[in-house]
Amino acid sequence: MRLSEHIGPRGTVNGYTLCLSAAETARWGDAWPCSTLAGSRLTVAVDRNGLFDLLVNGRSANVDGHELDAIVADHLTGPYRHLWPCWEAPK
C-alpha cells in the first residue's frame, strides 16, 4: 500500500492518493465475497470534496460503491479517515 498526501498552501492535508497492489486487493478479496476488485491494482485519489480519481488496473472504471467504501476504509490510517465519506470527521 502506498499513501501519498496532498498538502495545501498552509501545510494542511487536503487529500490523499491510496494505491493498492493486485496482491493486496487479492488478500482483501478473500474476506469480501464476490469481490470485483480482488486481484486488481487500485488507485483512489480523494480531496476535501471527495473522490476525484479512481483507476482499476490503470484505467477508469465503474466499481460497486459498497465494495469501494469498504476496501478504502479498511486500508486508511486514522489521520485520513475524515476525508473518506463513510468515516466521521474528527472532533
C-alpha atoms as a PDB file:
ATOM      1  CA  MET A   1       0.000   0.000   0.000  1.00  0.00           C
ATOM      2  CA  ARG A   2       1.188   3.487  -0.841  1.00  0.00           C
ATOM      3  CA  LEU A   3      -0.420   6.555   0.629  1.00  0.00           C
ATOM      4  CA  SER A   4       0.557   9.995  -0.673  1.00  0.00           C
ATOM      5  CA  GLU A   5      -0.630  13.201   0.962  1.00  0.00           C
ATOM      6  CA  HIS A   6      -1.897  16.234  -0.939  1.00  0.00           C
ATOM      7  CA  ILE A   7      -0.619  19.188   1.084  1.00  0.00           C
ATOM      8  CA  GLY A   8      -2.387  22.547   0.913  1.00  0.00           C
ATOM      9  CA  PRO A   9      -0.824  26.016   0.971  1.00  0.00           C
ATOM     10  CA  ARG A  10      -0.876  26.190   4.787  1.00  0.00           C
ATOM     11  CA  GLY A  11       0.683  22.760   5.239  1.00  0.00           C
ATOM     12  CA  THR A  12      -2.616  21.017   5.944  1.00  0.00           C
ATOM     13  CA  VAL A  13      -3.552  17.695   4.390  1.00  0.00           C
ATOM     14  CA  ASN A  14      -6.142  18.427   1.699  1.00  0.00           C
ATOM     15  CA  GLY A  15      -6.379  14.906   0.359  1.00  0.00           C
ATOM     16  CA  TYR A  16      -4.520  11.734  -0.467  1.00  0.00           C
ATOM     17  CA  THR A  17      -3.897   9.110  -3.112  1.00  0.00           C
ATOM     18  CA  LEU A  18      -4.191   5.489  -1.993  1.00  0.00           C
ATOM     19  CA  CYS A  19      -2.616   2.782  -4.179  1.00  0.00           C
ATOM     20  CA  LEU A  20      -3.193  -0.921  -3.549  1.00  0.00           C
ATOM     21  CA  SER A  21      -1.354  -3.663  -5.418  1.00  0.00           C
ATOM     22  CA  ALA A  22      -3.019  -6.665  -7.046  1.00  0.00           C
ATOM     23  CA  ALA A  23      -1.690  -8.856  -4.226  1.00  0.00           C
ATOM     24  CA  GLU A  24      -3.191  -6.544  -1.580  1.00  0.00           C
ATOM     25  CA  THR A  25      -6.621  -6.483  -3.215  1.00  0.00           C
ATOM     26  CA  ALA A  26      -6.465 -10.271  -3.677  1.00  0.00           C
ATOM     27  CA  ARG A  27      -5.818 -10.761   0.057  1.00  0.00           C
ATOM     28  CA  TRP A  28      -8.583  -8.291   0.890  1.00  0.00           C
ATOM     29  CA  GLY A  29     -10.935 -10.037  -1.554  1.00  0.00           C
ATOM     30  CA  ASP A  30     -10.651 -13.282   0.435  1.00  0.00           C
ATOM     31  CA  ALA A  31     -12.874 -11.623   3.047  1.00  0.00           C
ATOM     32  CA  TRP A  32     -15.236  -9.924   0.562  1.00  0.00           C
ATOM     33  CA  PRO A  33     -17.415 -12.487  -1.252  1.00  0.00           C
ATOM     34  CA  CYS A  34     -17.848 -11.813  -4.980  1.00  0.00           C
ATOM     35  CA  SER A  35     -15.262  -9.008  -4.947  1.00  0.00           C
ATOM     36  CA  THR A  36     -14.846  -7.290  -8.301  1.00  0.00           C
ATOM     37  CA  LEU A  37     -11.610  -5.627  -7.152  1.00  0.00           C
ATOM     38  CA  ALA A  38      -9.738  -8.723  -5.929  1.00  0.00           C
ATOM     39  CA  GLY A  39      -6.514  -9.200  -7.862  1.00  0.00           C
ATOM     40  CA  SER A  40      -6.650  -5.722  -9.441  1.00  0.00           C
ATOM     41  CA  ARG A  41      -4.411  -2.699  -8.902  1.00  0.00           C
ATOM     42  CA  LEU A  42      -6.457   0.088  -7.334  1.00  0.00           C
ATOM     43  CA  THR A  43      -5.697   3.813  -7.191  1.00  0.00           C
ATOM     44  CA  VAL A  44      -8.070   6.162  -5.379  1.00  0.00           C
ATOM     45  CA  ALA A  45      -7.497   9.942  -5.172  1.00  0.00           C
ATOM     46  CA  VAL A  46      -9.524  11.990  -2.696  1.00  0.00           C
ATOM     47  CA  ASP A  47      -9.606  15.647  -1.741  1.00  0.00           C
ATOM     48  CA  ARG A  48     -11.838  17.618   0.621  1.00  0.00           C
ATOM     49  CA  ASN A  49     -14.633  17.468  -1.980  1.00  0.00           C
ATOM     50  CA  GLY A  50     -14.478  13.671  -2.161  1.00  0.00           C
ATOM     51  CA  LEU A  51     -13.354  11.150  -4.744  1.00  0.00           C
ATOM     52  CA  PHE A  52     -11.819  12.762  -7.828  1.00  0.00           C
ATOM     53  CA  ASP A  53      -9.951   9.880  -9.469  1.00  0.00           C
ATOM     54  CA  LEU A  54     -10.453   6.124  -9.499  1.00  0.00           C
ATOM     55  CA  LEU A  55      -8.315   3.714 -11.507  1.00  0.00           C
ATOM     56  CA  VAL A  56      -8.507  -0.068 -11.665  1.00  0.00           C
ATOM     57  CA  ASN A  57      -5.504  -1.598 -13.376  1.00  0.00           C
ATOM     58  CA  GLY A  58      -4.543   1.866 -14.602  1.00  0.00           C
ATOM     59  CA  ARG A  59      -7.896   2.617 -16.261  1.00  0.00           C
ATOM     60  CA  SER A  60     -11.048   4.457 -15.296  1.00  0.00           C
ATOM     61  CA  ALA A  61     -13.655   2.024 -14.061  1.00  0.00           C
ATOM     62  CA  ASN A  62     -17.076   1.729 -12.520  1.00  0.00           C
ATOM     63  CA  VAL A  63     -16.998  -0.280  -9.303  1.00  0.00           C
ATOM     64  CA  ASP A  64     -19.507  -1.221  -6.639  1.00  0.00           C
ATOM     65  CA  GLY A  65     -19.725   1.698  -4.215  1.00  0.00           C
ATOM     66  CA  HIS A  66     -20.107  -0.511  -1.144  1.00  0.00           C
ATOM     67  CA  GLU A  67     -17.010  -2.502  -2.028  1.00  0.00           C
ATOM     68  CA  LEU A  68     -15.026   0.664  -2.753  1.00  0.00           C
ATOM     69  CA  ASP A  69     -16.090   2.195   0.593  1.00  0.00           C
ATOM     70  CA  ALA A  70     -15.099  -0.969   2.437  1.00  0.00           C
ATOM     71  CA  ILE A  71     -11.696  -1.522   0.845  1.00  0.00           C
ATOM     72  CA  VAL A  72     -10.645   2.125   1.216  1.00  0.00           C
ATOM     73  CA  ALA A  73     -11.911   2.328   4.807  1.00  0.00           C
ATOM     74  CA  ASP A  74     -10.055  -0.874   5.696  1.00  0.00           C
ATOM     75  CA  HIS A  75      -6.750   0.488   4.377  1.00  0.00           C
ATOM     76  CA  LEU A  76      -6.851   4.129   5.514  1.00  0.00           C
ATOM     77  CA  THR A  77      -4.937   5.179   8.578  1.00  0.00           C
ATOM     78  CA  GLY A  78      -6.524   7.418  11.196  1.00  0.00           C
ATOM     79  CA  PRO A  79      -5.362  10.865  10.037  1.00  0.00           C
ATOM     80  CA  TYR A  80      -7.027  10.447   6.627  1.00  0.00           C
ATOM     81  CA  ARG A  81     -10.298   8.764   7.550  1.00  0.00           C
ATOM     82  CA  HIS A  82     -12.240  12.020   7.866  1.00  0.00           C
ATOM     83  CA  LEU A  83     -11.668  12.588   4.123  1.00  0.00           C
ATOM     84  CA  TRP A  84     -13.465   9.337   3.180  1.00  0.00           C
ATOM     85  CA  PRO A  85     -17.277   9.631   3.168  1.00  0.00           C
ATOM     86  CA  CYS A  86     -18.045   6.595   5.340  1.00  0.00           C
ATOM     87  CA  TRP A  87     -15.968   7.978   8.240  1.00  0.00           C
ATOM     88  CA  GLU A  88     -16.945  10.857  10.521  1.00  0.00           C
ATOM     89  CA  ALA A  89     -14.861  13.992  10.784  1.00  0.00           C
ATOM     90  CA  PRO A  90     -12.533  14.068  13.811  1.00  0.00           C
ATOM     91  CA  LYS A  91     -13.769  16.041  16.819  1.00  0.00           C
END
